Amino acid sequence: MSTFIALDLSTNTGYAIFKDTKLIKYDVFTRKVPGYKADVKSYKDFPKEYPINFLDTAEAIAEECIRVIQENKIDKVVIEHCEGAKQRLSQRLLEWTHFALIQRLKALGIDFKYLLVHDWRDVVGCYLKRWPDYQKFNQKVRAAKKKATPTKSGMLIAKIDGKRVGPVNQKKLSIIIANEKYGLEIKNDNIADAINLGRAAIELGLF
C-alpha cells in the first residue's frame, strides 16, 4: 500500500497524509521568521537578521517536513507549486523553503511531484464561480453590510438574522470542500488546502 503526503508549504505548513485513497492524518505546524519584515523598499529596510533568518527558517520548515515524512513512513510527496507572493521577501522565503525541502527529498530518494494551485482547485472545484449558492450568499452579505450601522470606529458589520456573517472567499471555500468530502470539521485553510491537494493528486492519478 502506498502512503503519500500532500504539503502546502509556508511558515504555517499544512499537510495531509493518505494511505492509497484514504485520508488518515492531517495537521499544520508553524515556523515563523525571527525579525521578519515584509515591507522592504530599499536595502535600508532589511532587518539586521536578513538573510540568515530566512535561511534558518526555510531549513527548519524543510526539516520538520522530513520528520513528519519519516515518522509516518511516507514514500511519495505531492507539493503545491510555489506561486507569486504579494511581497518580494515572502516570495524569497517560499522559494528557499522549496529548495531546502527538494534537496532533502532528492538525497533521501523520496519520490515527489508538484501540482499548480490551479491544478488542484480545478479538480476539487475550489472556485466560487462553480458554487452559485455561495455566490448568492455573498450577495446577501454585501447587501447586509451596506445597510449596517457603522460602529464607533466606522466599520460596517454585516448581519443576517441577527448573526455576524462574512463572505465565502477562496480560503473558506477550500475548508468547506475538504470538510464536505471527508466528513471533517476543520477550520484551518492551510490544512484544507493540503487535503484538497492530496485529493487532486489521487483523482489525477499522480501516484
Protein backbone atom coordinates (compact mmCIF):
# COMPACT_ATOMS: atom_id res chain seq x y z
CA MET A 1 0.00 0.00 0.00
CA SER A 2 1.28 3.45 -0.93
CA THR A 3 1.37 6.24 1.65
CA PHE A 4 1.84 9.78 0.44
CA ILE A 5 1.76 13.26 1.94
CA ALA A 6 0.39 16.48 0.44
CA LEU A 7 2.25 19.63 1.52
CA ASP A 8 1.14 23.26 1.44
CA LEU A 9 4.49 24.84 2.31
CA SER A 10 4.69 28.13 4.20
CA THR A 11 5.51 29.38 7.68
CA ASN A 12 2.18 27.69 8.50
CA THR A 13 2.64 24.41 6.65
CA GLY A 14 -0.48 22.34 6.24
CA TYR A 15 -0.14 18.65 5.46
CA ALA A 16 -2.39 15.70 4.77
CA ILE A 17 -1.39 12.04 4.74
CA PHE A 18 -3.19 9.47 2.58
CA LYS A 19 -2.89 5.70 2.51
CA ASP A 20 -3.91 4.80 -1.02
CA THR A 21 -7.10 6.90 -1.37
CA LYS A 22 -7.92 7.18 2.33
CA LEU A 23 -7.14 10.33 4.33
CA ILE A 24 -5.54 9.09 7.55
CA LYS A 25 -3.93 12.15 9.15
CA TYR A 26 -3.70 15.92 8.81
CA ASP A 27 -2.21 18.83 10.74
CA VAL A 28 -0.37 22.14 10.49
CA PHE A 29 2.89 23.34 12.01
CA THR A 30 4.27 26.85 12.35
CA ARG A 31 7.81 28.14 11.94
CA LYS A 32 7.94 31.94 11.98
CA VAL A 33 10.82 34.08 10.72
CA PRO A 34 12.63 35.97 13.53
CA GLY A 35 12.79 39.67 12.74
CA TYR A 36 10.53 39.30 9.71
CA LYS A 37 9.71 42.45 7.77
CA ALA A 38 7.56 42.36 4.65
CA ASP A 39 7.60 45.98 3.52
CA VAL A 40 11.08 46.42 2.05
CA LYS A 41 11.55 49.28 -0.42
CA SER A 42 15.28 49.76 -0.02
CA TYR A 43 18.30 47.91 1.30
CA LYS A 44 17.98 50.15 4.36
CA ASP A 45 14.73 48.37 5.23
CA PHE A 46 16.29 44.92 5.55
CA PRO A 47 16.17 43.64 9.14
CA LYS A 48 19.61 43.09 10.63
CA GLU A 49 18.94 39.33 10.75
CA TYR A 50 18.39 39.08 6.98
CA PRO A 51 19.05 36.82 5.09
CA ILE A 52 20.22 34.29 7.69
CA ASN A 53 16.84 34.39 9.44
CA PHE A 54 15.20 33.37 6.15
CA LEU A 55 17.70 30.60 5.53
CA ASP A 56 17.31 29.21 9.05
CA THR A 57 13.50 29.27 8.81
CA ALA A 58 13.48 27.59 5.39
CA GLU A 59 15.76 24.87 6.76
CA ALA A 60 13.58 24.44 9.86
CA ILE A 61 10.40 24.03 7.77
CA ALA A 62 12.11 21.51 5.49
CA GLU A 63 13.45 19.55 8.46
CA GLU A 64 10.01 19.39 10.08
CA CYS A 65 8.53 18.11 6.82
CA ILE A 66 11.18 15.39 6.66
CA ARG A 67 10.49 14.45 10.28
CA VAL A 68 6.78 14.00 9.53
CA ILE A 69 7.59 12.07 6.35
CA GLN A 70 9.96 9.67 8.10
CA GLU A 71 7.81 9.16 11.19
CA ASN A 72 4.84 8.20 9.03
CA LYS A 73 6.88 6.03 6.64
CA ILE A 74 5.83 8.06 3.63
CA ASP A 75 7.28 7.15 0.24
CA LYS A 76 5.68 9.76 -2.02
CA VAL A 77 5.15 13.51 -1.72
CA VAL A 78 2.97 15.97 -3.61
CA ILE A 79 3.70 19.67 -3.14
CA GLU A 80 1.71 22.76 -4.05
CA HIS A 81 3.85 24.67 -6.54
CA CYS A 82 5.21 28.00 -5.37
CA GLU A 83 3.22 30.86 -6.88
CA GLY A 84 3.81 34.62 -6.78
CA ALA A 85 3.61 36.14 -3.29
CA LYS A 86 2.44 39.68 -2.52
CA GLN A 87 5.77 40.78 -1.05
CA ARG A 88 9.20 40.09 -2.50
CA LEU A 89 10.51 38.77 0.82
CA SER A 90 7.58 36.38 1.21
CA GLN A 91 8.40 35.03 -2.24
CA ARG A 92 12.07 34.69 -1.31
CA LEU A 93 11.20 32.65 1.78
CA LEU A 94 8.87 30.34 -0.16
CA GLU A 95 11.46 29.70 -2.86
CA TRP A 96 14.17 28.93 -0.33
CA THR A 97 11.85 26.62 1.61
CA HIS A 98 11.03 24.65 -1.53
CA PHE A 99 14.71 24.44 -2.39
CA ALA A 100 15.64 23.21 1.09
CA LEU A 101 12.93 20.54 1.04
CA ILE A 102 13.63 19.32 -2.50
CA GLN A 103 17.33 18.93 -1.69
CA ARG A 104 16.40 16.65 1.22
CA LEU A 105 13.83 14.64 -0.71
CA LYS A 106 16.33 14.07 -3.51
CA ALA A 107 19.06 13.00 -1.06
CA LEU A 108 16.67 10.53 0.61
CA GLY A 109 15.41 9.16 -2.71
CA ILE A 110 11.79 10.06 -1.93
CA ASP A 111 9.52 10.43 -4.96
CA PHE A 112 7.90 13.88 -5.21
CA LYS A 113 5.70 15.74 -7.66
CA TYR A 114 4.30 19.26 -7.96
CA LEU A 115 0.79 20.49 -8.67
CA LEU A 116 -0.07 24.08 -9.51
CA VAL A 117 -2.67 25.83 -7.37
CA HIS A 118 -4.94 25.89 -10.41
CA ASP A 119 -4.48 22.13 -10.88
CA TRP A 120 -5.95 21.12 -7.52
CA ARG A 121 -8.56 23.87 -7.40
CA ASP A 122 -9.83 22.80 -10.82
CA VAL A 123 -10.11 19.14 -9.76
CA VAL A 124 -11.94 19.76 -6.48
CA GLY A 125 -13.95 22.74 -7.77
CA CYS A 126 -12.42 25.34 -5.47
CA TYR A 127 -13.68 28.33 -7.44
CA LEU A 128 -16.64 30.41 -6.32
CA LYS A 129 -17.99 30.56 -9.87
CA ARG A 130 -18.80 26.86 -9.52
CA TRP A 131 -20.87 27.38 -6.38
CA PRO A 132 -23.92 29.55 -7.21
CA ASP A 133 -25.36 29.15 -3.70
CA TYR A 134 -22.28 30.76 -2.16
CA GLN A 135 -22.32 33.49 -4.80
CA LYS A 136 -25.91 34.29 -3.77
CA PHE A 137 -24.91 34.20 -0.11
CA ASN A 138 -22.09 36.67 -0.78
CA GLN A 139 -24.56 39.00 -2.48
CA LYS A 140 -26.70 38.89 0.67
CA VAL A 141 -23.65 39.64 2.82
CA ARG A 142 -22.73 42.65 0.68
CA ALA A 143 -26.31 43.94 0.84
CA ALA A 144 -26.41 43.47 4.62
CA LYS A 145 -23.12 45.32 5.01
CA LYS A 146 -24.46 48.31 3.07
CA LYS A 147 -27.43 48.50 5.43
CA ALA A 148 -25.34 48.07 8.58
CA THR A 149 -25.00 50.84 11.14
CA PRO A 150 -21.36 51.95 11.43
CA THR A 151 -19.57 51.06 14.66
CA LYS A 152 -17.72 53.71 16.70
CA SER A 153 -14.64 53.05 14.56
CA GLY A 154 -16.68 53.40 11.38
CA MET A 155 -16.74 49.72 10.50
CA LEU A 156 -19.71 48.17 8.72
CA ILE A 157 -20.51 44.71 10.05
CA ALA A 158 -22.88 42.53 8.03
CA LYS A 159 -25.57 40.65 9.96
CA ILE A 160 -28.14 38.18 8.67
CA ASP A 161 -30.89 37.03 11.04
CA GLY A 162 -29.05 38.77 13.86
CA LYS A 163 -25.77 36.90 13.29
CA ARG A 164 -22.49 38.38 12.10
CA VAL A 165 -21.55 36.98 8.72
CA GLY A 166 -18.70 37.30 6.27
CA PRO A 167 -18.42 36.38 2.61
CA VAL A 168 -17.24 32.97 1.46
CA ASN A 169 -13.80 33.60 -0.02
CA GLN A 170 -11.26 31.22 -1.57
CA LYS A 171 -9.91 30.12 1.81
CA LYS A 172 -13.32 29.45 3.32
CA LEU A 173 -14.39 27.56 0.22
CA SER A 174 -11.35 25.29 0.47
CA ILE A 175 -12.32 24.48 4.07
CA ILE A 176 -15.94 23.80 3.08
CA ILE A 177 -14.90 21.46 0.25
CA ALA A 178 -12.46 19.48 2.41
CA ASN A 179 -14.98 19.14 5.24
CA GLU A 180 -17.80 18.02 2.95
CA LYS A 181 -15.66 15.49 1.07
CA TYR A 182 -14.15 13.81 4.13
CA GLY A 183 -16.76 14.48 6.83
CA LEU A 184 -14.47 16.76 8.83
CA GLU A 185 -14.85 19.90 10.95
CA ILE A 186 -11.51 21.59 10.29
CA LYS A 187 -11.21 25.37 10.42
CA ASN A 188 -7.65 25.87 9.16
CA ASP A 189 -7.31 26.74 5.48
CA ASN A 190 -3.70 25.50 5.32
CA ILE A 191 -4.86 22.03 6.31
CA ALA A 192 -7.81 22.26 3.93
CA ASP A 193 -5.55 23.20 1.02
CA ALA A 194 -3.27 20.24 1.75
CA ILE A 195 -6.24 17.87 1.92
CA ASN A 196 -7.64 19.16 -1.35
CA LEU A 197 -4.18 18.98 -2.92
CA GLY A 198 -3.91 15.33 -1.90
CA ARG A 199 -7.39 14.57 -3.20
CA ALA A 200 -6.47 16.13 -6.54
CA ALA A 201 -3.28 14.07 -6.72
CA ILE A 202 -5.39 10.92 -6.30
CA GLU A 203 -8.02 11.91 -8.85
CA LEU A 204 -5.34 12.93 -11.35
CA GLY A 205 -3.57 9.59 -10.89
CA LEU A 206 -0.28 11.16 -9.85
CA PHE A 207 0.68 8.15 -7.74
